[in-house]
Amino acid sequence: MACTPELRLETPRLWLRLMKLDDVEPLLAIFADPKVMAAFDASPFDRVQMLQWVQRNLDHQASHGYGLFSVILKSNRLLIGDCGLELMEVDGHVVNELGYDFRSDYWYQGYATEAAMAVRDYAFGQLLLPRLISIIRVGNIPSRRVAEKIGMGYIGEITRYGHSYWHYLLEREKAD
């Protein structure tokens, strides 16, 4: 399945467009922020790490036909986050994770929920994926709230790479 470069999702306040290499600098405003990276228990990214992260996501798009969207605020055309899907292995199963990252100066305004709803609807309505998961670091209450607001249910705690995560799930037939 190929990604079309013009693919764009729209919400009342946001445009979600496929990520591109030109997004490295604006995404660095997110991933170089210690507040954002605290949710991952990781150090802020430098430009090289950001470039590698974006390239990994572009490779995912090319391989699977979908991936992360860059989230653009309509009012000022600023890239404020990313939200999308990543195919990954969790507990021996290949699953589609819905994930999101936003600039800390745009937190608590409903943007992550708005973007996640659009991606959820795209995943179930266009891609016809059977289920979505979210893996959220234990303690990240705002991300947990986003997962719950879009209809995901908590199914347990898992450990990945030595860290504990809350595991959320939503099945397509329950999202209708």
C-alpha atoms as a PDB file:
ATOM      1  CA  MET A   1       0.000   0.000   0.000  1.00  0.00           C
ATOM      2  CA  ALA A   2       1.512   3.316  -1.004  1.00  0.00           C
ATOM      3  CA  CYS A   3       1.146   6.599   0.827  1.00  0.00           C
ATOM      4  CA  THR A   4      -0.077   9.437  -1.307  1.00  0.00           C
ATOM      5  CA  PRO A   5       1.901  12.611  -0.573  1.00  0.00           C
ATOM      6  CA  GLU A   6      -1.297  14.686  -0.563  1.00  0.00           C
ATOM      7  CA  LEU A   7      -2.976  12.607   2.163  1.00  0.00           C
ATOM      8  CA  ARG A   8      -4.273  14.988   4.790  1.00  0.00           C
ATOM      9  CA  LEU A   9      -6.711  14.664   7.649  1.00  0.00           C
ATOM     10  CA  GLU A  10      -8.578  17.682   8.946  1.00  0.00           C
ATOM     11  CA  THR A  11     -10.253  18.517  12.243  1.00  0.00           C
ATOM     12  CA  PRO A  12     -11.881  21.789  13.287  1.00  0.00           C
ATOM     13  CA  ARG A  13      -8.541  23.238  14.485  1.00  0.00           C
ATOM     14  CA  LEU A  14      -5.884  21.027  12.899  1.00  0.00           C
ATOM     15  CA  TRP A  15      -4.453  19.693   9.682  1.00  0.00           C
ATOM     16  CA  LEU A  16      -2.680  16.343   9.862  1.00  0.00           C
ATOM     17  CA  ARG A  17      -0.425  15.740   6.879  1.00  0.00           C
ATOM     18  CA  LEU A  18       2.105  13.043   6.179  1.00  0.00           C
ATOM     19  CA  MET A  19       5.422  13.699   7.828  1.00  0.00           C
ATOM     20  CA  LYS A  20       8.266  14.845   5.582  1.00  0.00           C
ATOM     21  CA  LEU A  21      11.993  15.380   5.934  1.00  0.00           C
ATOM     22  CA  ASP A  22      11.480  19.165   6.137  1.00  0.00           C
ATOM     23  CA  ASP A  23       9.760  18.595   9.489  1.00  0.00           C
ATOM     24  CA  VAL A  24      13.043  17.866  11.306  1.00  0.00           C
ATOM     25  CA  GLU A  25      13.508  21.416  12.636  1.00  0.00           C
ATOM     26  CA  PRO A  26       9.936  22.008  13.858  1.00  0.00           C
ATOM     27  CA  LEU A  27       9.830  18.512  15.405  1.00  0.00           C
ATOM     28  CA  LEU A  28      13.060  19.324  17.228  1.00  0.00           C
ATOM     29  CA  ALA A  29      11.049  21.952  19.154  1.00  0.00           C
ATOM     30  CA  ILE A  30       9.135  18.982  20.603  1.00  0.00           C
ATOM     31  CA  PHE A  31      11.827  16.353  21.076  1.00  0.00           C
ATOM     32  CA  ALA A  32      14.516  18.733  22.378  1.00  0.00           C
ATOM     33  CA  ASP A  33      12.134  19.870  25.132  1.00  0.00           C
ATOM     34  CA  PRO A  34      13.021  18.266  28.504  1.00  0.00           C
ATOM     35  CA  LYS A  35       9.324  18.417  29.547  1.00  0.00           C
ATOM     36  CA  VAL A  36       8.304  16.289  26.555  1.00  0.00           C
ATOM     37  CA  MET A  37      11.184  13.864  26.912  1.00  0.00           C
ATOM     38  CA  ALA A  38      10.457  13.348  30.625  1.00  0.00           C
ATOM     39  CA  ALA A  39       7.404  11.337  29.488  1.00  0.00           C
ATOM     40  CA  PHE A  40       9.835   8.923  27.819  1.00  0.00           C
ATOM     41  CA  ASP A  41      12.426   9.092  30.592  1.00  0.00           C
ATOM     42  CA  ALA A  42      14.871  10.098  27.865  1.00  0.00           C
ATOM     43  CA  SER A  43      17.300  12.894  27.155  1.00  0.00           C
ATOM     44  CA  PRO A  44      16.312  15.626  24.715  1.00  0.00           C
ATOM     45  CA  PHE A  45      17.156  14.882  21.082  1.00  0.00           C
ATOM     46  CA  ASP A  46      19.850  16.665  19.148  1.00  0.00           C
ATOM     47  CA  ARG A  47      19.455  17.401  15.425  1.00  0.00           C
ATOM     48  CA  VAL A  48      21.111  14.122  14.345  1.00  0.00           C
ATOM     49  CA  GLN A  49      18.793  12.042  16.548  1.00  0.00           C
ATOM     50  CA  MET A  50      15.798  13.994  15.254  1.00  0.00           C
ATOM     51  CA  LEU A  51      16.843  13.384  11.658  1.00  0.00           C
ATOM     52  CA  GLN A  52      17.198   9.643  12.367  1.00  0.00           C
ATOM     53  CA  TRP A  53      13.773   9.551  14.067  1.00  0.00           C
ATOM     54  CA  VAL A  54      12.075  11.315  11.150  1.00  0.00           C
ATOM     55  CA  GLN A  55      13.827   9.056   8.619  1.00  0.00           C
ATOM     56  CA  ARG A  56      12.688   5.963  10.550  1.00  0.00           C
ATOM     57  CA  ASN A  57       9.115   7.261  10.335  1.00  0.00           C
ATOM     58  CA  LEU A  58       9.439   8.037   6.632  1.00  0.00           C
ATOM     59  CA  ASP A  59      10.758   4.495   6.066  1.00  0.00           C
ATOM     60  CA  HIS A  60       7.751   3.143   7.988  1.00  0.00           C
ATOM     61  CA  GLN A  61       5.393   5.144   5.742  1.00  0.00           C
ATOM     62  CA  ALA A  62       7.111   3.811   2.631  1.00  0.00           C
ATOM     63  CA  SER A  63       7.034   0.204   3.862  1.00  0.00           C
ATOM     64  CA  HIS A  64       3.539   0.056   5.345  1.00  0.00           C
ATOM     65  CA  GLY A  65       1.584   2.785   3.556  1.00  0.00           C
ATOM     66  CA  TYR A  66       0.883   4.746   6.736  1.00  0.00           C
ATOM     67  CA  GLY A  67       2.722   6.235   9.659  1.00  0.00           C
ATOM     68  CA  LEU A  68       2.903   9.445  11.629  1.00  0.00           C
ATOM     69  CA  PHE A  69       1.262  12.678  10.589  1.00  0.00           C
ATOM     70  CA  SER A  70       2.678  16.091  11.346  1.00  0.00           C
ATOM     71  CA  VAL A  71       0.029  18.079  13.209  1.00  0.00           C
ATOM     72  CA  ILE A  72      -0.377  21.655  12.001  1.00  0.00           C
ATOM     73  CA  LEU A  73      -2.408  24.258  13.894  1.00  0.00           C
ATOM     74  CA  LYS A  74      -4.709  25.947  11.362  1.00  0.00           C
ATOM     75  CA  SER A  75      -4.735  29.322  13.124  1.00  0.00           C
ATOM     76  CA  ASN A  76      -1.003  29.963  12.703  1.00  0.00           C
ATOM     77  CA  ARG A  77       0.178  27.103  10.423  1.00  0.00           C
ATOM     78  CA  LEU A  78       2.656  25.986  13.102  1.00  0.00           C
ATOM     79  CA  LEU A  79       3.696  22.341  13.425  1.00  0.00           C
ATOM     80  CA  ILE A  80       2.741  21.582  17.035  1.00  0.00           C
ATOM     81  CA  GLY A  81       2.988  17.804  17.155  1.00  0.00           C
ATOM     82  CA  ASP A  82       2.854  14.418  15.548  1.00  0.00           C
ATOM     83  CA  CYS A  83       0.142  11.806  15.720  1.00  0.00           C
ATOM     84  CA  GLY A  84      -0.258   8.573  13.845  1.00  0.00           C
ATOM     85  CA  LEU A  85       0.240   4.872  13.555  1.00  0.00           C
ATOM     86  CA  GLU A  86       3.219   2.603  13.926  1.00  0.00           C
ATOM     87  CA  LEU A  87       3.280  -1.111  13.257  1.00  0.00           C
ATOM     88  CA  MET A  88       5.213  -2.783  16.083  1.00  0.00           C
ATOM     89  CA  GLU A  89       5.591  -6.023  17.974  1.00  0.00           C
ATOM     90  CA  VAL A  90       4.180  -6.172  21.501  1.00  0.00           C
ATOM     91  CA  ASP A  91       4.255  -9.394  23.503  1.00  0.00           C
ATOM     92  CA  GLY A  92       4.884 -11.445  20.366  1.00  0.00           C
ATOM     93  CA  HIS A  93       1.998  -9.892  18.388  1.00  0.00           C
ATOM     94  CA  VAL A  94       2.254  -7.404  15.516  1.00  0.00           C
ATOM     95  CA  VAL A  95      -0.031  -4.495  16.375  1.00  0.00           C
ATOM     96  CA  ASN A  96      -0.774  -0.936  15.266  1.00  0.00           C
ATOM     97  CA  GLU A  97       0.002   1.648  17.896  1.00  0.00           C
ATOM     98  CA  LEU A  98      -1.648   5.049  17.862  1.00  0.00           C
ATOM     99  CA  GLY A  99       0.827   7.528  19.326  1.00  0.00           C
ATOM    100  CA  TYR A 100       1.112  11.284  19.731  1.00  0.00           C
ATOM    101  CA  ASP A 101       3.682  13.867  20.813  1.00  0.00           C
ATOM    102  CA  PHE A 102       3.026  17.603  21.184  1.00  0.00           C
ATOM    103  CA  ARG A 103       4.922  20.775  22.001  1.00  0.00           C
ATOM    104  CA  SER A 104       4.635  21.433  25.728  1.00  0.00           C
ATOM    105  CA  ASP A 105       3.373  24.990  25.131  1.00  0.00           C
ATOM    106  CA  TYR A 106       0.329  23.441  23.378  1.00  0.00           C
ATOM    107  CA  TRP A 107      -0.529  20.868  26.063  1.00  0.00           C
ATOM    108  CA  TYR A 108      -3.892  20.843  27.862  1.00  0.00           C
ATOM    109  CA  GLN A 109      -5.808  22.432  24.981  1.00  0.00           C
ATOM    110  CA  GLY A 110      -7.369  19.277  23.514  1.00  0.00           C
ATOM    111  CA  TYR A 111      -5.121  19.097  20.443  1.00  0.00           C
ATOM    112  CA  ALA A 112      -3.797  15.591  21.165  1.00  0.00           C
ATOM    113  CA  THR A 113      -7.331  14.254  21.637  1.00  0.00           C
ATOM    114  CA  GLU A 114      -8.548  15.988  18.467  1.00  0.00           C
ATOM    115  CA  ALA A 115      -5.656  14.593  16.420  1.00  0.00           C
ATOM    116  CA  ALA A 116      -5.922  11.105  17.945  1.00  0.00           C
ATOM    117  CA  MET A 117      -9.649  10.950  17.121  1.00  0.00           C
ATOM    118  CA  ALA A 118      -8.904  11.833  13.497  1.00  0.00           C
ATOM    119  CA  VAL A 119      -6.198   9.150  13.267  1.00  0.00           C
ATOM    120  CA  ARG A 120      -8.459   6.592  14.976  1.00  0.00           C
ATOM    121  CA  ASP A 121     -11.225   7.308  12.457  1.00  0.00           C
ATOM    122  CA  TYR A 122      -8.756   7.088   9.560  1.00  0.00           C
ATOM    123  CA  ALA A 123      -7.316   3.795  10.864  1.00  0.00           C
ATOM    124  CA  PHE A 124     -10.737   2.177  11.187  1.00  0.00           C
ATOM    125  CA  GLY A 125     -12.584   3.920   8.323  1.00  0.00           C
ATOM    126  CA  GLN A 126      -9.972   4.001   5.555  1.00  0.00           C
ATOM    127  CA  LEU A 127      -7.287   1.503   6.497  1.00  0.00           C
ATOM    128  CA  LEU A 128      -9.841  -0.919   8.008  1.00  0.00           C
ATOM    129  CA  LEU A 129      -7.430  -1.917  10.762  1.00  0.00           C
ATOM    130  CA  PRO A 130      -9.051  -4.356  13.199  1.00  0.00           C
ATOM    131  CA  ARG A 131      -7.646  -2.808  16.392  1.00  0.00           C
ATOM    132  CA  LEU A 132      -5.395  -0.102  17.750  1.00  0.00           C
ATOM    133  CA  ILE A 133      -3.296  -0.006  20.871  1.00  0.00           C
ATOM    134  CA  SER A 134      -1.531   2.737  22.765  1.00  0.00           C
ATOM    135  CA  ILE A 135       1.489   2.092  24.939  1.00  0.00           C
ATOM    136  CA  ILE A 136       1.876   4.875  27.512  1.00  0.00           C
ATOM    137  CA  ARG A 137       4.667   5.206  30.074  1.00  0.00           C
ATOM    138  CA  VAL A 138       3.308   4.555  33.547  1.00  0.00           C
ATOM    139  CA  GLY A 139       2.726   7.929  35.179  1.00  0.00           C
ATOM    140  CA  ASN A 140       1.909   9.864  31.994  1.00  0.00           C
ATOM    141  CA  ILE A 141      -1.626  10.794  33.063  1.00  0.00           C
ATOM    142  CA  PRO A 142      -2.316  13.310  30.236  1.00  0.00           C
ATOM    143  CA  SER A 143      -1.532  10.699  27.546  1.00  0.00           C
ATOM    144  CA  ARG A 144      -3.640   8.178  29.420  1.00  0.00           C
ATOM    145  CA  ARG A 145      -6.565  10.623  29.363  1.00  0.00           C
ATOM    146  CA  VAL A 146      -6.220  11.050  25.599  1.00  0.00           C
ATOM    147  CA  ALA A 147      -6.378   7.275  25.077  1.00  0.00           C
ATOM    148  CA  GLU A 148      -9.486   7.044  27.258  1.00  0.00           C
ATOM    149  CA  LYS A 149     -11.203  10.028  25.577  1.00  0.00           C
ATOM    150  CA  ILE A 150     -10.890   8.381  22.163  1.00  0.00           C
ATOM    151  CA  GLY A 151     -12.501   5.197  23.477  1.00  0.00           C
ATOM    152  CA  MET A 152      -9.525   3.020  24.338  1.00  0.00           C
ATOM    153  CA  GLY A 153      -9.733   0.707  27.322  1.00  0.00           C
ATOM    154  CA  TYR A 154      -6.977  -0.156  29.748  1.00  0.00           C
ATOM    155  CA  ILE A 155      -5.992  -3.819  29.455  1.00  0.00           C
ATOM    156  CA  GLY A 156      -2.963  -4.020  31.703  1.00  0.00           C
ATOM    157  CA  GLU A 157       0.611  -3.065  32.321  1.00  0.00           C
ATOM    158  CA  ILE A 158       3.477  -4.336  30.194  1.00  0.00           C
ATOM    159  CA  THR A 159       7.251  -4.012  30.276  1.00  0.00           C
ATOM    160  CA  ARG A 160       9.204  -2.982  27.176  1.00  0.00           C
ATOM    161  CA  TYR A 161      12.919  -2.270  27.098  1.00  0.00           C
ATOM    162  CA  GLY A 162      12.988  -2.296  30.904  1.00  0.00           C
ATOM    163  CA  HIS A 163      10.215   0.305  31.325  1.00  0.00           C
ATOM    164  CA  SER A 164       6.629  -0.129  32.523  1.00  0.00           C
ATOM    165  CA  TYR A 165       3.803   0.950  30.228  1.00  0.00           C
ATOM    166  CA  TRP A 166       0.038   1.134  30.429  1.00  0.00           C
ATOM    167  CA  HIS A 167      -1.442  -0.919  27.580  1.00  0.00           C
ATOM    168  CA  TYR A 168      -4.625   0.429  25.969  1.00  0.00           C
ATOM    169  CA  LEU A 169      -6.761  -1.199  23.274  1.00  0.00           C
ATOM    170  CA  LEU A 170      -9.634  -0.259  20.977  1.00  0.00           C
ATOM    171  CA  GLU A 171     -11.202  -2.677  18.504  1.00  0.00           C
ATOM    172  CA  ARG A 172     -12.854  -1.395  15.321  1.00  0.00           C
ATOM    173  CA  GLU A 173     -16.260  -2.935  16.012  1.00  0.00           C
ATOM    174  CA  LYS A 174     -16.337  -1.246  19.438  1.00  0.00           C
ATOM    175  CA  ALA A 175     -15.430   2.142  17.957  1.00  0.00           C
ATOM    176  CA  ASP A 176     -18.534   2.284  15.740  1.00  0.00           C
END
